[in-house]
Amino acid sequence: MTHKAGFVNILGNPNVGKSTLMNALVGEKLSIITSKAQTTRHRIMGIVNGEDFQIVYSDTPGILKPAYKLQESMMKFVSLAMRDADIILYLTDIYETPDKNMNYISKLQKTKIPVILLINKIDQSNQDQLAALVEMWHGILPDSEILPISALKKFNVEPLLKKVTSMLPESEPFFPKDQLTDKSQRFFIEEMIREKILLHYSKEIPYSVEVETEDFIEEEKIIRIRTIIFVMRDSQKGIIIGHKGEKLKKVGTEARKDAEDFFGKKVFLEIIVRVNKDWRDDKKQLKRYGYEV
């Protein structure tokens, strides 16, 4: 039996639903989802296996113009994903206009990598609007296949899987067949905490925060986890903790519940808050947190 395998990289701007699509394709919540830009900071791989194929999906940070070294690092993940893909899924939606991202679209116009252009959120559109969008994108990326989808409603996700599988090159699997992702358990608890911060704090706070797992001890019936939330200023530390620790307690409670669902056992989660000034522009600190520098 011929085996197929390949890297399928998901690219697109923030807020078009990349993380929702990633989770729908993999069937597990690997990428955190919020309505805020810069939700995804790392490149996250999700692995889907069949009897004769392996798809390695890759969710990358949303494309943006970097304002500090953290964002420069995030865009390095995007550039790498454009180079090492066997197939590119370029995700847009019914609201986005191409002029927002012509720098990357011009690269897609020149690439020899097969591109599938996905128009997301079609459950919020009508037939005439969708037809006009398909015609417009055919003019911009004439060599790309175009597929309207709703990642949230999982509409056309199964046809997308079949299309991707048919386009995979012949190859042996890159990862063991029982492996779901390239990320560690520590990474996912950090992302769960960061998701709650994105949901419950406003303005600059979510973008000034990094989360690091100090201890991850798995016992037979419980996982004991100690994490640190790093902020950039003393004033941000007070905001994260909140009055009598109430805001931090809410973050911890919600993240612990998600962790118990994800890991399938009881979790004891301890969170402390520390200041790490200007970590977003410190190459040494960015490397420590797993970013490309």
C-alpha atoms as a PDB file:
ATOM      1  CA  MET A   1       0.000   0.000   0.000  1.00  0.00           C
ATOM      2  CA  THR A   2       1.338   3.432  -0.973  1.00  0.00           C
ATOM      3  CA  HIS A   3       1.609   5.804   1.974  1.00  0.00           C
ATOM      4  CA  LYS A   4       1.225   9.588   1.745  1.00  0.00           C
ATOM      5  CA  ALA A   5       2.365  12.257   4.194  1.00  0.00           C
ATOM      6  CA  GLY A   6       2.916  15.980   4.124  1.00  0.00           C
ATOM      7  CA  PHE A   7       2.974  19.316   5.918  1.00  0.00           C
ATOM      8  CA  VAL A   8      -0.164  21.408   5.415  1.00  0.00           C
ATOM      9  CA  ASN A   9       0.346  24.937   6.705  1.00  0.00           C
ATOM     10  CA  ILE A  10      -2.534  27.292   7.577  1.00  0.00           C
ATOM     11  CA  LEU A  11      -1.818  30.956   6.829  1.00  0.00           C
ATOM     12  CA  GLY A  12      -3.940  34.085   7.112  1.00  0.00           C
ATOM     13  CA  ASN A  13      -4.569  37.295   8.988  1.00  0.00           C
ATOM     14  CA  PRO A  14      -5.710  37.464  12.613  1.00  0.00           C
ATOM     15  CA  ASN A  15      -9.435  37.001  13.254  1.00  0.00           C
ATOM     16  CA  VAL A  16     -10.272  35.011  10.118  1.00  0.00           C
ATOM     17  CA  GLY A  17     -10.629  31.792  12.156  1.00  0.00           C
ATOM     18  CA  LYS A  18      -7.328  29.965  11.704  1.00  0.00           C
ATOM     19  CA  SER A  19      -7.337  28.388  15.158  1.00  0.00           C
ATOM     20  CA  THR A  20     -10.974  27.316  14.803  1.00  0.00           C
ATOM     21  CA  LEU A  21     -10.102  25.663  11.483  1.00  0.00           C
ATOM     22  CA  MET A  22      -7.040  23.955  12.958  1.00  0.00           C
ATOM     23  CA  ASN A  23      -9.078  22.452  15.790  1.00  0.00           C
ATOM     24  CA  ALA A  24     -11.840  21.362  13.401  1.00  0.00           C
ATOM     25  CA  LEU A  25      -9.334  19.627  11.118  1.00  0.00           C
ATOM     26  CA  VAL A  26      -7.507  17.851  13.942  1.00  0.00           C
ATOM     27  CA  GLY A  27     -10.600  17.074  16.014  1.00  0.00           C
ATOM     28  CA  GLU A  28      -8.991  18.345  19.229  1.00  0.00           C
ATOM     29  CA  LYS A  29      -8.557  21.788  20.782  1.00  0.00           C
ATOM     30  CA  LEU A  30      -4.863  22.410  20.153  1.00  0.00           C
ATOM     31  CA  SER A  31      -4.977  26.121  19.301  1.00  0.00           C
ATOM     32  CA  ILE A  32      -6.510  28.626  21.705  1.00  0.00           C
ATOM     33  CA  ILE A  33      -9.373  30.697  20.352  1.00  0.00           C
ATOM     34  CA  THR A  34     -10.360  34.248  21.235  1.00  0.00           C
ATOM     35  CA  SER A  35     -11.661  37.206  19.253  1.00  0.00           C
ATOM     36  CA  LYS A  36      -8.443  39.153  19.907  1.00  0.00           C
ATOM     37  CA  ALA A  37      -5.565  39.529  17.485  1.00  0.00           C
ATOM     38  CA  GLN A  38      -2.248  37.789  18.238  1.00  0.00           C
ATOM     39  CA  THR A  39      -3.990  34.916  20.021  1.00  0.00           C
ATOM     40  CA  THR A  40      -1.606  32.426  18.381  1.00  0.00           C
ATOM     41  CA  ARG A  41       2.060  33.202  19.065  1.00  0.00           C
ATOM     42  CA  HIS A  42       3.778  29.922  18.184  1.00  0.00           C
ATOM     43  CA  ARG A  43       3.643  27.468  15.340  1.00  0.00           C
ATOM     44  CA  ILE A  44       1.476  24.570  16.513  1.00  0.00           C
ATOM     45  CA  MET A  45       1.354  21.253  14.666  1.00  0.00           C
ATOM     46  CA  GLY A  46      -1.637  18.939  14.752  1.00  0.00           C
ATOM     47  CA  ILE A  47      -1.305  15.437  13.315  1.00  0.00           C
ATOM     48  CA  VAL A  48      -4.097  13.542  11.551  1.00  0.00           C
ATOM     49  CA  ASN A  49      -3.523   9.902  10.641  1.00  0.00           C
ATOM     50  CA  GLY A  50      -5.323   7.501   8.347  1.00  0.00           C
ATOM     51  CA  GLU A  51      -4.468   3.969   7.338  1.00  0.00           C
ATOM     52  CA  ASP A  52      -2.415   5.181   4.375  1.00  0.00           C
ATOM     53  CA  PHE A  53      -1.761   8.852   5.102  1.00  0.00           C
ATOM     54  CA  GLN A  54      -0.489  11.356   7.663  1.00  0.00           C
ATOM     55  CA  ILE A  55      -1.338  15.073   7.534  1.00  0.00           C
ATOM     56  CA  VAL A  56       0.721  17.428   9.675  1.00  0.00           C
ATOM     57  CA  TYR A  57      -1.334  20.615   9.968  1.00  0.00           C
ATOM     58  CA  SER A  58       0.446  23.736  11.144  1.00  0.00           C
ATOM     59  CA  ASP A  59      -1.289  26.751  12.700  1.00  0.00           C
ATOM     60  CA  THR A  60       0.840  29.889  12.652  1.00  0.00           C
ATOM     61  CA  PRO A  61       0.459  33.369  14.166  1.00  0.00           C
ATOM     62  CA  GLY A  62      -1.794  35.717  12.220  1.00  0.00           C
ATOM     63  CA  ILE A  63       0.062  37.861   9.696  1.00  0.00           C
ATOM     64  CA  LEU A  64       0.840  41.358  11.000  1.00  0.00           C
ATOM     65  CA  LYS A  65       3.381  44.166  10.775  1.00  0.00           C
ATOM     66  CA  PRO A  66       5.782  43.671  13.710  1.00  0.00           C
ATOM     67  CA  ALA A  67       6.029  46.413  16.333  1.00  0.00           C
ATOM     68  CA  TYR A  68       8.497  44.688  18.683  1.00  0.00           C
ATOM     69  CA  LYS A  69      10.829  41.670  18.749  1.00  0.00           C
ATOM     70  CA  LEU A  70       8.149  39.228  19.956  1.00  0.00           C
ATOM     71  CA  GLN A  71       6.075  40.002  16.883  1.00  0.00           C
ATOM     72  CA  GLU A  72       9.175  39.742  14.668  1.00  0.00           C
ATOM     73  CA  SER A  73       9.672  36.254  16.076  1.00  0.00           C
ATOM     74  CA  MET A  74       6.027  35.386  15.424  1.00  0.00           C
ATOM     75  CA  MET A  75       6.415  36.389  11.755  1.00  0.00           C
ATOM     76  CA  LYS A  76       9.453  34.110  11.466  1.00  0.00           C
ATOM     77  CA  PHE A  77       7.100  31.196  12.168  1.00  0.00           C
ATOM     78  CA  VAL A  78       4.918  32.437   9.282  1.00  0.00           C
ATOM     79  CA  SER A  79       7.876  32.742   6.883  1.00  0.00           C
ATOM     80  CA  LEU A  80       9.058  29.244   7.774  1.00  0.00           C
ATOM     81  CA  ALA A  81       5.566  27.870   7.196  1.00  0.00           C
ATOM     82  CA  MET A  82       5.523  29.375   3.698  1.00  0.00           C
ATOM     83  CA  ARG A  83       8.811  27.635   2.855  1.00  0.00           C
ATOM     84  CA  ASP A  84       8.439  24.111   4.210  1.00  0.00           C
ATOM     85  CA  ALA A  85       4.816  23.333   3.277  1.00  0.00           C
ATOM     86  CA  ASP A  86       3.705  20.619   0.887  1.00  0.00           C
ATOM     87  CA  ILE A  87       0.300  22.338   0.720  1.00  0.00           C
ATOM     88  CA  ILE A  88      -0.707  25.830   1.878  1.00  0.00           C
ATOM     89  CA  LEU A  89      -4.194  26.562   3.173  1.00  0.00           C
ATOM     90  CA  TYR A  90      -4.645  30.321   2.863  1.00  0.00           C
ATOM     91  CA  LEU A  91      -7.601  31.332   5.006  1.00  0.00           C
ATOM     92  CA  THR A  92      -9.608  34.477   4.407  1.00  0.00           C
ATOM     93  CA  ASP A  93     -13.225  35.228   5.266  1.00  0.00           C
ATOM     94  CA  ILE A  94     -16.263  36.995   3.863  1.00  0.00           C
ATOM     95  CA  TYR A  95     -15.283  40.296   5.501  1.00  0.00           C
ATOM     96  CA  GLU A  96     -11.591  40.589   4.632  1.00  0.00           C
ATOM     97  CA  THR A  97     -10.268  42.521   1.643  1.00  0.00           C
ATOM     98  CA  PRO A  98      -7.091  41.359  -0.162  1.00  0.00           C
ATOM     99  CA  ASP A  99      -5.355  44.741   0.073  1.00  0.00           C
ATOM    100  CA  LYS A 100      -4.814  44.140   3.801  1.00  0.00           C
ATOM    101  CA  ASN A 101      -2.237  41.485   3.045  1.00  0.00           C
ATOM    102  CA  MET A 102      -0.843  41.940  -0.475  1.00  0.00           C
ATOM    103  CA  ASN A 103       2.745  41.346   0.654  1.00  0.00           C
ATOM    104  CA  TYR A 104       1.995  37.711   1.499  1.00  0.00           C
ATOM    105  CA  ILE A 105      -0.542  37.263  -1.304  1.00  0.00           C
ATOM    106  CA  SER A 106       2.171  38.242  -3.800  1.00  0.00           C
ATOM    107  CA  LYS A 107       4.315  35.440  -2.381  1.00  0.00           C
ATOM    108  CA  LEU A 108       1.434  33.000  -2.858  1.00  0.00           C
ATOM    109  CA  GLN A 109       1.098  34.168  -6.472  1.00  0.00           C
ATOM    110  CA  LYS A 110       4.732  33.209  -7.099  1.00  0.00           C
ATOM    111  CA  THR A 111       5.003  30.006  -5.063  1.00  0.00           C
ATOM    112  CA  LYS A 112       5.152  26.574  -6.645  1.00  0.00           C
ATOM    113  CA  ILE A 113       3.569  25.044  -3.538  1.00  0.00           C
ATOM    114  CA  PRO A 114      -0.091  24.066  -4.127  1.00  0.00           C
ATOM    115  CA  VAL A 115      -2.439  26.597  -2.506  1.00  0.00           C
ATOM    116  CA  ILE A 116      -6.036  26.004  -1.426  1.00  0.00           C
ATOM    117  CA  LEU A 117      -7.796  29.287  -0.705  1.00  0.00           C
ATOM    118  CA  LEU A 118     -10.498  28.935   1.942  1.00  0.00           C
ATOM    119  CA  ILE A 119     -13.252  31.527   2.344  1.00  0.00           C
ATOM    120  CA  ASN A 120     -14.409  31.182   5.953  1.00  0.00           C
ATOM    121  CA  LYS A 121     -17.589  32.241   7.799  1.00  0.00           C
ATOM    122  CA  ILE A 122     -19.874  31.579   4.840  1.00  0.00           C
ATOM    123  CA  ASP A 123     -22.669  30.830   7.329  1.00  0.00           C
ATOM    124  CA  GLN A 124     -22.754  34.638   7.749  1.00  0.00           C
ATOM    125  CA  SER A 125     -23.023  35.400   4.014  1.00  0.00           C
ATOM    126  CA  ASN A 126     -25.478  34.984   1.146  1.00  0.00           C
ATOM    127  CA  GLN A 127     -25.073  33.263  -2.203  1.00  0.00           C
ATOM    128  CA  ASP A 128     -24.539  36.440  -4.244  1.00  0.00           C
ATOM    129  CA  GLN A 129     -21.875  37.754  -1.861  1.00  0.00           C
ATOM    130  CA  LEU A 130     -20.070  34.413  -1.889  1.00  0.00           C
ATOM    131  CA  ALA A 131     -20.149  34.160  -5.689  1.00  0.00           C
ATOM    132  CA  ALA A 132     -18.599  37.629  -5.969  1.00  0.00           C
ATOM    133  CA  LEU A 133     -15.849  36.711  -3.491  1.00  0.00           C
ATOM    134  CA  VAL A 134     -15.016  33.486  -5.336  1.00  0.00           C
ATOM    135  CA  GLU A 135     -14.767  35.386  -8.630  1.00  0.00           C
ATOM    136  CA  MET A 136     -12.548  38.053  -7.035  1.00  0.00           C
ATOM    137  CA  TRP A 137     -10.161  35.521  -5.499  1.00  0.00           C
ATOM    138  CA  HIS A 138     -10.002  33.541  -8.768  1.00  0.00           C
ATOM    139  CA  GLY A 139      -8.656  36.720 -10.349  1.00  0.00           C
ATOM    140  CA  ILE A 140      -6.040  37.207  -7.620  1.00  0.00           C
ATOM    141  CA  LEU A 141      -4.907  33.579  -7.226  1.00  0.00           C
ATOM    142  CA  PRO A 142      -5.942  31.898 -10.492  1.00  0.00           C
ATOM    143  CA  ASP A 143      -3.895  28.755  -9.872  1.00  0.00           C
ATOM    144  CA  SER A 144      -5.403  28.115  -6.437  1.00  0.00           C
ATOM    145  CA  GLU A 145      -8.351  25.919  -5.635  1.00  0.00           C
ATOM    146  CA  ILE A 146     -11.076  27.837  -3.801  1.00  0.00           C
ATOM    147  CA  LEU A 147     -13.317  26.252  -1.201  1.00  0.00           C
ATOM    148  CA  PRO A 148     -15.957  28.118   0.843  1.00  0.00           C
ATOM    149  CA  ILE A 149     -16.130  26.823   4.419  1.00  0.00           C
ATOM    150  CA  SER A 150     -17.461  27.482   7.893  1.00  0.00           C
ATOM    151  CA  ALA A 151     -14.808  26.300  10.345  1.00  0.00           C
ATOM    152  CA  LEU A 152     -17.106  27.001  13.300  1.00  0.00           C
ATOM    153  CA  LYS A 153     -20.005  24.977  11.835  1.00  0.00           C
ATOM    154  CA  LYS A 154     -17.584  22.439  10.304  1.00  0.00           C
ATOM    155  CA  PHE A 155     -19.174  22.995   6.890  1.00  0.00           C
ATOM    156  CA  ASN A 156     -16.988  21.620   4.055  1.00  0.00           C
ATOM    157  CA  VAL A 157     -14.307  20.458   6.529  1.00  0.00           C
ATOM    158  CA  GLU A 158     -14.706  16.829   5.416  1.00  0.00           C
ATOM    159  CA  PRO A 159     -14.395  17.691   1.677  1.00  0.00           C
ATOM    160  CA  LEU A 160     -11.308  19.743   2.570  1.00  0.00           C
ATOM    161  CA  LEU A 161      -9.771  16.720   4.314  1.00  0.00           C
ATOM    162  CA  LYS A 162     -10.417  14.562   1.223  1.00  0.00           C
ATOM    163  CA  LYS A 163      -8.925  17.211  -1.060  1.00  0.00           C
ATOM    164  CA  VAL A 164      -5.817  17.613   1.079  1.00  0.00           C
ATOM    165  CA  THR A 165      -5.341  13.839   1.307  1.00  0.00           C
ATOM    166  CA  SER A 166      -5.520  13.503  -2.485  1.00  0.00           C
ATOM    167  CA  MET A 167      -2.778  16.140  -2.882  1.00  0.00           C
ATOM    168  CA  LEU A 168      -0.274  14.679  -0.391  1.00  0.00           C
ATOM    169  CA  PRO A 169       3.053  13.444  -1.761  1.00  0.00           C
ATOM    170  CA  GLU A 170       4.131   9.849  -1.289  1.00  0.00           C
ATOM    171  CA  SER A 171       6.068   9.604   1.961  1.00  0.00           C
ATOM    172  CA  GLU A 172       6.455   7.607   5.119  1.00  0.00           C
ATOM    173  CA  PRO A 173       4.935   9.192   8.280  1.00  0.00           C
ATOM    174  CA  PHE A 174       6.948  11.975   9.906  1.00  0.00           C
ATOM    175  CA  PHE A 175       5.593  11.236  13.396  1.00  0.00           C
ATOM    176  CA  PRO A 176       4.431   8.105  15.250  1.00  0.00           C
ATOM    177  CA  LYS A 177       0.855   7.228  14.314  1.00  0.00           C
ATOM    178  CA  ASP A 178      -0.436   7.769  17.855  1.00  0.00           C
ATOM    179  CA  GLN A 179       1.066  11.268  18.210  1.00  0.00           C
ATOM    180  CA  LEU A 180      -1.401  14.166  18.149  1.00  0.00           C
ATOM    181  CA  THR A 181       0.936  17.187  18.179  1.00  0.00           C
ATOM    182  CA  ASP A 182       4.557  18.286  18.317  1.00  0.00           C
ATOM    183  CA  LYS A 183       3.969  20.344  21.473  1.00  0.00           C
ATOM    184  CA  SER A 184       4.544  19.246  25.076  1.00  0.00           C
ATOM    185  CA  GLN A 185       1.988  18.955  27.866  1.00  0.00           C
ATOM    186  CA  ARG A 186       3.614  21.992  29.510  1.00  0.00           C
ATOM    187  CA  PHE A 187       2.944  24.058  26.393  1.00  0.00           C
ATOM    188  CA  PHE A 188      -0.788  23.331  26.484  1.00  0.00           C
ATOM    189  CA  ILE A 189      -1.294  24.322  30.110  1.00  0.00           C
ATOM    190  CA  GLU A 190       0.556  27.575  29.352  1.00  0.00           C
ATOM    191  CA  GLU A 191      -1.752  28.210  26.395  1.00  0.00           C
ATOM    192  CA  MET A 192      -4.849  27.468  28.479  1.00  0.00           C
ATOM    193  CA  ILE A 193      -3.808  30.080  31.019  1.00  0.00           C
ATOM    194  CA  ARG A 194      -2.951  32.600  28.310  1.00  0.00           C
ATOM    195  CA  GLU A 195      -6.341  32.034  26.683  1.00  0.00           C
ATOM    196  CA  LYS A 196      -8.099  32.970  29.934  1.00  0.00           C
ATOM    197  CA  ILE A 197      -5.964  36.106  30.199  1.00  0.00           C
ATOM    198  CA  LEU A 198      -6.943  37.068  26.661  1.00  0.00           C
ATOM    199  CA  LEU A 199     -10.595  36.539  27.546  1.00  0.00           C
ATOM    200  CA  HIS A 200     -10.698  38.331  30.912  1.00  0.00           C
ATOM    201  CA  TYR A 201      -8.244  41.238  30.592  1.00  0.00           C
ATOM    202  CA  SER A 202      -8.300  44.192  28.224  1.00  0.00           C
ATOM    203  CA  LYS A 203      -6.006  46.735  26.585  1.00  0.00           C
ATOM    204  CA  GLU A 204      -2.281  45.898  26.716  1.00  0.00           C
ATOM    205  CA  ILE A 205      -2.382  43.282  29.495  1.00  0.00           C
ATOM    206  CA  PRO A 206      -2.795  40.117  27.335  1.00  0.00           C
ATOM    207  CA  TYR A 207       0.001  41.251  25.018  1.00  0.00           C
ATOM    208  CA  SER A 208       2.397  41.946  27.897  1.00  0.00           C
ATOM    209  CA  VAL A 209       2.045  38.462  29.391  1.00  0.00           C
ATOM    210  CA  GLU A 210       4.031  35.260  28.962  1.00  0.00           C
ATOM    211  CA  VAL A 211       3.339  32.000  30.805  1.00  0.00           C
ATOM    212  CA  GLU A 212       5.949  29.437  31.837  1.00  0.00           C
ATOM    213  CA  THR A 213       5.473  26.052  33.480  1.00  0.00           C
ATOM    214  CA  GLU A 214       7.915  25.578  36.351  1.00  0.00           C
ATOM    215  CA  ASP A 215       6.733  22.135  37.535  1.00  0.00           C
ATOM    216  CA  PHE A 216       4.630  19.475  35.810  1.00  0.00           C
ATOM    217  CA  ILE A 217       4.393  16.356  37.972  1.00  0.00           C
ATOM    218  CA  GLU A 218       2.075  13.626  36.740  1.00  0.00           C
ATOM    219  CA  GLU A 219       0.927  11.103  39.336  1.00  0.00           C
ATOM    220  CA  GLU A 220      -1.474   8.193  38.912  1.00  0.00           C
ATOM    221  CA  LYS A 221      -4.632  10.145  39.729  1.00  0.00           C
ATOM    222  CA  ILE A 222      -3.579  13.803  39.575  1.00  0.00           C
ATOM    223  CA  ILE A 223      -1.257  16.207  37.756  1.00  0.00           C
ATOM    224  CA  ARG A 224       0.422  18.846  39.919  1.00  0.00           C
ATOM    225  CA  ILE A 225       1.351  21.952  37.953  1.00  0.00           C
ATOM    226  CA  ARG A 226       3.094  25.151  39.016  1.00  0.00           C
ATOM    227  CA  THR A 227       3.143  27.997  36.495  1.00  0.00           C
ATOM    228  CA  ILE A 228       4.402  31.558  36.386  1.00  0.00           C
ATOM    229  CA  ILE A 229       2.673  34.452  34.648  1.00  0.00           C
ATOM    230  CA  PHE A 230       5.300  37.005  33.650  1.00  0.00           C
ATOM    231  CA  VAL A 231       4.274  40.642  33.129  1.00  0.00           C
ATOM    232  CA  MET A 232       6.328  43.658  32.102  1.00  0.00           C
ATOM    233  CA  ARG A 233       5.517  46.101  34.917  1.00  0.00           C
ATOM    234  CA  ASP A 234       4.599  46.079  38.608  1.00  0.00           C
ATOM    235  CA  SER A 235       1.274  47.776  37.837  1.00  0.00           C
ATOM    236  CA  GLN A 236       0.374  44.900  35.491  1.00  0.00           C
ATOM    237  CA  LYS A 237       1.076  42.389  38.252  1.00  0.00           C
ATOM    238  CA  GLY A 238      -1.589  44.038  40.404  1.00  0.00           C
ATOM    239  CA  ILE A 239      -4.084  44.015  37.542  1.00  0.00           C
ATOM    240  CA  ILE A 240      -3.520  40.308  36.857  1.00  0.00           C
ATOM    241  CA  ILE A 241      -3.969  39.377  40.520  1.00  0.00           C
ATOM    242  CA  GLY A 242      -6.975  41.644  41.056  1.00  0.00           C
ATOM    243  CA  HIS A 243      -8.691  42.655  44.304  1.00  0.00           C
ATOM    244  CA  LYS A 244      -7.935  40.007  46.952  1.00  0.00           C
ATOM    245  CA  GLY A 245      -6.652  37.736  44.195  1.00  0.00           C
ATOM    246  CA  GLU A 246     -10.113  37.280  42.672  1.00  0.00           C
ATOM    247  CA  LYS A 247      -9.136  37.790  39.025  1.00  0.00           C
ATOM    248  CA  LEU A 248      -6.182  35.410  39.201  1.00  0.00           C
ATOM    249  CA  LYS A 249      -8.354  32.843  40.976  1.00  0.00           C
ATOM    250  CA  LYS A 250     -10.869  33.002  38.116  1.00  0.00           C
ATOM    251  CA  VAL A 251      -8.128  32.466  35.532  1.00  0.00           C
ATOM    252  CA  GLY A 252      -6.760  29.521  37.512  1.00  0.00           C
ATOM    253  CA  THR A 253     -10.146  27.875  38.026  1.00  0.00           C
ATOM    254  CA  GLU A 254     -11.107  28.066  34.346  1.00  0.00           C
ATOM    255  CA  ALA A 255      -7.678  26.920  33.141  1.00  0.00           C
ATOM    256  CA  ARG A 256      -7.705  24.004  35.607  1.00  0.00           C
ATOM    257  CA  LYS A 257     -11.098  22.818  34.313  1.00  0.00           C
ATOM    258  CA  ASP A 258      -9.843  22.950  30.719  1.00  0.00           C
ATOM    259  CA  ALA A 259      -6.702  21.062  31.731  1.00  0.00           C
ATOM    260  CA  GLU A 260      -8.723  18.322  33.418  1.00  0.00           C
ATOM    261  CA  ASP A 261     -10.790  17.892  30.247  1.00  0.00           C
ATOM    262  CA  PHE A 262      -7.661  17.876  28.077  1.00  0.00           C
ATOM    263  CA  PHE A 263      -5.529  15.513  30.195  1.00  0.00           C
ATOM    264  CA  GLY A 264      -8.390  13.326  31.419  1.00  0.00           C
ATOM    265  CA  LYS A 265      -7.519  13.445  35.115  1.00  0.00           C
ATOM    266  CA  LYS A 266      -7.577  15.728  38.160  1.00  0.00           C
ATOM    267  CA  VAL A 267      -5.280  18.749  38.078  1.00  0.00           C
ATOM    268  CA  PHE A 268      -3.851  20.830  40.910  1.00  0.00           C
ATOM    269  CA  LEU A 269      -2.810  24.156  39.402  1.00  0.00           C
ATOM    270  CA  GLU A 270      -0.753  26.794  41.197  1.00  0.00           C
ATOM    271  CA  ILE A 271      -0.182  30.146  39.473  1.00  0.00           C
ATOM    272  CA  ILE A 272       2.131  32.911  40.631  1.00  0.00           C
ATOM    273  CA  VAL A 273       2.815  36.290  38.996  1.00  0.00           C
ATOM    274  CA  ARG A 274       6.248  37.854  38.492  1.00  0.00           C
ATOM    275  CA  VAL A 275       7.655  40.874  36.679  1.00  0.00           C
ATOM    276  CA  ASN A 276      10.080  40.347  33.788  1.00  0.00           C
ATOM    277  CA  LYS A 277      10.647  43.836  32.407  1.00  0.00           C
ATOM    278  CA  ASP A 278      10.673  44.322  28.641  1.00  0.00           C
ATOM    279  CA  TRP A 279      10.761  40.582  27.879  1.00  0.00           C
ATOM    280  CA  ARG A 280       9.039  41.202  24.520  1.00  0.00           C
ATOM    281  CA  ASP A 281      12.153  42.977  23.201  1.00  0.00           C
ATOM    282  CA  ASP A 282      14.773  40.788  24.891  1.00  0.00           C
ATOM    283  CA  LYS A 283      16.190  38.126  22.559  1.00  0.00           C
ATOM    284  CA  LYS A 284      17.511  36.033  25.439  1.00  0.00           C
ATOM    285  CA  GLN A 285      14.105  35.963  27.135  1.00  0.00           C
ATOM    286  CA  LEU A 286      12.273  35.266  23.872  1.00  0.00           C
ATOM    287  CA  LYS A 287      14.531  32.292  23.220  1.00  0.00           C
ATOM    288  CA  ARG A 288      13.848  31.043  26.740  1.00  0.00           C
ATOM    289  CA  TYR A 289      10.105  31.145  25.997  1.00  0.00           C
ATOM    290  CA  GLY A 290      10.521  29.152  22.792  1.00  0.00           C
ATOM    291  CA  TYR A 291      10.441  31.875  20.136  1.00  0.00           C
ATOM    292  CA  GLU A 292      12.634  32.106  17.028  1.00  0.00           C
ATOM    293  CA  VAL A 293      15.212  34.906  17.431  1.00  0.00           C
END
